[in-house]
Amino acid sequence: MTLILGLTGSIATGKSTVSSMFANFGIPVIDADKIAREVVMPGEKAYEQIVEVFGEDVLFDDKTLDRKKLGSIVFADETKRNKLNDIVHPAVREKMVARRDSCIKSGEKCVVLDIPLLFESKLTHFVDKTLVVAVDEDVQLKRLMNRDESTENEAKQRINSQISISKKAKLADAVIDNNGTVEESFQQLESVLKNWGAIS
């Protein structure tokens, strides 16, 4: 039996750092964000639908998607954000499930689905266990402002567009407390994986 782990966090909680740690255990990670970038490449069905809905204004001159421009449109407008999600999410889910199933077929002991909006998009039925990467809310705000050079107001707007990290932590089967060092987070991950029989 392959154990399917759902990895999630919130913006700027360090989920990517934890996601990259699975390689140390030889556990494959299927990254929803990477797939989300693939499905909006020219020629993909989701790309065609985005251009249809949002117009060519959201494209660069080379016809690739200007994600930042599209982002600024949808972050400010919930209806438009929902429209975009209705295009991108099903395309991402389809690819993700296909990759998950091929990992199961090839006999992997454990596979990770790295899904930022695991709870928001109600995708927990795709996984056996959920793991949340959490930090304190003031740490999250500082990290986001530093990372994106955004104002406190912009950062709060982005954080508030997701379920709060404390609520996600309550919903999870296990939580990695990422307030400390990378080494400490790694040790927590190792003990969770041992606990769940994903590694010996």
Protein backbone atom coordinates (compact mmCIF):
# COMPACT_ATOMS: atom_id res chain seq x y z
CA MET A 1 0.00 0.00 0.00
CA THR A 2 1.26 3.44 -0.93
CA LEU A 3 0.80 6.11 1.73
CA ILE A 4 -0.45 9.35 0.12
CA LEU A 5 0.56 12.43 2.12
CA GLY A 6 -1.05 15.81 1.59
CA LEU A 7 1.44 18.57 2.38
CA THR A 8 0.15 22.10 2.88
CA GLY A 9 0.79 25.32 4.73
CA SER A 10 -0.01 28.94 4.08
CA ILE A 11 1.83 31.60 2.15
CA ALA A 12 5.33 32.23 3.62
CA THR A 13 5.18 29.44 6.23
CA GLY A 14 8.12 27.60 4.62
CA LYS A 15 6.19 24.77 2.99
CA SER A 16 8.61 24.69 0.02
CA THR A 17 11.53 24.19 2.39
CA VAL A 18 9.81 21.20 3.97
CA SER A 19 8.67 19.93 0.56
CA SER A 20 12.29 19.77 -0.63
CA MET A 21 13.23 17.62 2.41
CA PHE A 22 11.30 14.58 1.15
CA ALA A 23 14.06 14.01 -1.43
CA ASN A 24 16.35 13.02 1.48
CA PHE A 25 14.02 10.07 2.12
CA GLY A 26 13.61 9.19 -1.56
CA ILE A 27 9.93 10.13 -1.42
CA PRO A 28 8.49 11.63 -4.64
CA VAL A 29 6.68 14.96 -4.37
CA ILE A 30 3.94 15.98 -6.80
CA ASP A 31 3.86 19.76 -6.63
CA ALA A 32 0.51 21.39 -7.44
CA ASP A 33 2.17 24.80 -8.02
CA LYS A 34 4.56 23.36 -10.61
CA ILE A 35 1.66 21.61 -12.34
CA ALA A 36 -0.32 24.88 -12.18
CA ARG A 37 2.49 26.50 -14.16
CA GLU A 38 2.50 23.64 -16.67
CA VAL A 39 -1.25 23.77 -17.35
CA VAL A 40 -1.14 27.48 -18.26
CA MET A 41 1.57 27.08 -20.90
CA PRO A 42 0.55 27.99 -24.47
CA GLY A 43 -1.17 25.05 -26.14
CA GLU A 44 -2.70 23.73 -22.91
CA LYS A 45 -6.49 23.74 -22.56
CA ALA A 46 -6.44 25.89 -19.41
CA TYR A 47 -4.29 28.49 -21.17
CA GLU A 48 -6.82 28.80 -24.01
CA GLN A 49 -9.64 29.22 -21.48
CA ILE A 50 -7.76 31.92 -19.54
CA VAL A 51 -7.19 33.95 -22.70
CA GLU A 52 -10.85 33.50 -23.59
CA VAL A 53 -12.02 34.79 -20.17
CA PHE A 54 -9.39 37.43 -19.33
CA GLY A 55 -8.36 38.56 -22.82
CA GLU A 56 -4.90 38.95 -24.35
CA ASP A 57 -4.04 41.73 -21.87
CA VAL A 58 -2.79 39.06 -19.45
CA LEU A 59 -0.19 37.81 -21.93
CA PHE A 60 3.40 38.89 -22.53
CA ASP A 61 4.46 39.77 -26.09
CA ASP A 62 5.66 36.21 -26.59
CA LYS A 63 2.10 35.02 -25.77
CA THR A 64 3.08 33.38 -22.47
CA LEU A 65 0.99 34.20 -19.42
CA ASP A 66 1.88 37.29 -17.37
CA ARG A 67 1.17 35.64 -14.02
CA LYS A 68 1.85 38.79 -12.04
CA LYS A 69 -0.65 40.81 -14.06
CA LEU A 70 -3.27 38.07 -13.86
CA GLY A 71 -2.55 37.77 -10.14
CA SER A 72 -3.14 41.45 -9.50
CA ILE A 73 -6.48 41.22 -11.33
CA VAL A 74 -7.75 38.18 -9.42
CA PHE A 75 -6.41 39.06 -5.96
CA ALA A 76 -8.52 42.21 -5.99
CA ASP A 77 -11.70 40.60 -7.32
CA GLU A 78 -13.18 37.45 -5.82
CA THR A 79 -15.49 36.73 -8.75
CA LYS A 80 -12.56 36.82 -11.16
CA ARG A 81 -10.45 34.76 -8.77
CA ASN A 82 -13.16 32.10 -8.71
CA LYS A 83 -13.33 32.14 -12.50
CA LEU A 84 -9.59 31.57 -12.74
CA ASN A 85 -9.72 28.80 -10.13
CA ASP A 86 -12.55 27.09 -12.01
CA ILE A 87 -10.24 26.89 -15.03
CA VAL A 88 -6.93 26.03 -13.40
CA HIS A 89 -7.90 23.76 -10.50
CA PRO A 90 -9.60 20.96 -12.48
CA ALA A 91 -6.66 20.88 -14.94
CA VAL A 92 -4.17 20.67 -12.07
CA ARG A 93 -6.16 17.98 -10.25
CA GLU A 94 -6.33 15.83 -13.37
CA LYS A 95 -2.53 15.89 -13.86
CA MET A 96 -1.87 15.45 -10.17
CA VAL A 97 -4.07 12.36 -9.85
CA ALA A 98 -2.49 10.84 -12.98
CA ARG A 99 1.00 11.30 -11.49
CA ARG A 100 -0.09 10.03 -8.08
CA ASP A 101 -1.57 6.90 -9.67
CA SER A 102 1.58 6.22 -11.66
CA CYS A 103 3.62 6.43 -8.41
CA ILE A 104 1.22 3.91 -6.84
CA LYS A 105 1.58 1.64 -9.88
CA SER A 106 5.35 1.74 -9.68
CA GLY A 107 5.15 0.61 -6.05
CA GLU A 108 6.32 3.73 -4.19
CA LYS A 109 5.98 3.29 -0.41
CA CYS A 110 4.94 6.93 0.02
CA VAL A 111 4.09 9.83 -2.28
CA VAL A 112 3.52 13.47 -1.35
CA LEU A 113 0.93 15.74 -2.90
CA ASP A 114 2.15 19.28 -2.21
CA ILE A 115 -1.09 21.32 -2.39
CA PRO A 116 -1.12 24.92 -1.06
CA LEU A 117 -4.92 25.06 -0.97
CA LEU A 118 -5.50 21.49 0.21
CA PHE A 119 -8.21 22.49 2.70
CA GLU A 120 -9.60 25.51 0.81
CA SER A 121 -10.18 23.39 -2.30
CA LYS A 122 -11.48 20.46 -0.23
CA LEU A 123 -8.96 18.00 -1.70
CA THR A 124 -8.28 15.97 1.44
CA HIS A 125 -10.05 12.96 -0.12
CA PHE A 126 -7.05 12.65 -2.49
CA VAL A 127 -4.71 11.81 0.41
CA ASP A 128 -4.47 9.47 3.40
CA LYS A 129 -2.81 11.88 5.84
CA THR A 130 -2.42 15.66 6.00
CA LEU A 131 0.70 17.47 7.12
CA VAL A 132 0.69 21.23 7.74
CA VAL A 133 3.77 23.47 7.86
CA ALA A 134 3.00 26.22 10.37
CA VAL A 135 4.64 29.35 11.78
CA ASP A 136 3.35 32.04 14.13
CA GLU A 137 1.24 34.65 12.35
CA ASP A 138 3.64 37.53 13.01
CA VAL A 139 6.51 35.44 11.58
CA GLN A 140 4.38 34.69 8.51
CA LEU A 141 3.64 38.38 7.95
CA LYS A 142 7.31 39.40 8.30
CA ARG A 143 8.51 36.64 5.97
CA LEU A 144 5.97 37.53 3.30
CA MET A 145 6.79 41.24 3.43
CA ASN A 146 10.51 40.48 3.16
CA ARG A 147 10.10 37.89 0.43
CA ASP A 148 7.81 39.87 -1.88
CA GLU A 149 8.88 43.35 -0.70
CA SER A 150 5.19 44.01 -0.13
CA THR A 151 3.55 46.47 2.25
CA GLU A 152 1.98 45.16 5.44
CA ASN A 153 -1.44 45.80 3.95
CA GLU A 154 -0.71 43.86 0.72
CA ALA A 155 0.77 40.99 2.72
CA LYS A 156 -2.26 40.83 5.03
CA GLN A 157 -4.60 40.80 2.03
CA ARG A 158 -2.80 37.76 0.61
CA ILE A 159 -2.69 35.96 3.94
CA ASN A 160 -6.41 36.60 4.51
CA SER A 161 -7.34 35.09 1.15
CA GLN A 162 -6.48 31.67 2.66
CA ILE A 163 -7.74 29.75 5.69
CA SER A 164 -5.70 30.88 8.71
CA ILE A 165 -2.66 28.77 9.54
CA SER A 166 -3.93 28.08 13.07
CA LYS A 167 -7.14 26.64 11.65
CA LYS A 168 -5.20 24.49 9.16
CA ALA A 169 -3.04 23.19 12.00
CA LYS A 170 -6.20 22.05 13.80
CA LEU A 171 -7.42 20.23 10.68
CA ALA A 172 -4.12 18.43 10.05
CA ASP A 173 -3.07 14.91 11.07
CA ALA A 174 0.37 16.33 11.95
CA VAL A 175 2.02 19.75 12.09
CA ILE A 176 5.61 20.80 11.41
CA ASP A 177 6.41 23.82 13.59
CA ASN A 178 8.63 25.84 11.24
CA ASN A 179 9.43 28.73 13.60
CA GLY A 180 12.84 27.27 14.42
CA THR A 181 15.80 26.14 12.33
CA VAL A 182 15.70 24.06 9.13
CA GLU A 183 17.36 21.26 11.09
CA GLU A 184 14.57 21.27 13.69
CA SER A 185 11.90 21.11 10.99
CA PHE A 186 13.78 18.24 9.34
CA GLN A 187 13.83 16.27 12.61
CA GLN A 188 10.10 16.82 13.07
CA LEU A 189 9.43 15.61 9.52
CA GLU A 190 11.57 12.51 10.04
CA SER A 191 9.70 11.57 13.19
CA VAL A 192 6.29 12.07 11.52
CA LEU A 193 7.34 9.86 8.59
CA LYS A 194 8.61 7.15 10.96
CA ASN A 195 5.40 7.40 12.95
CA TRP A 196 3.31 6.88 9.84
CA GLY A 197 5.46 4.01 8.56
CA ALA A 198 6.56 5.94 5.46
CA ILE A 199 10.21 5.33 6.34
CA SER A 200 11.80 2.80 8.66
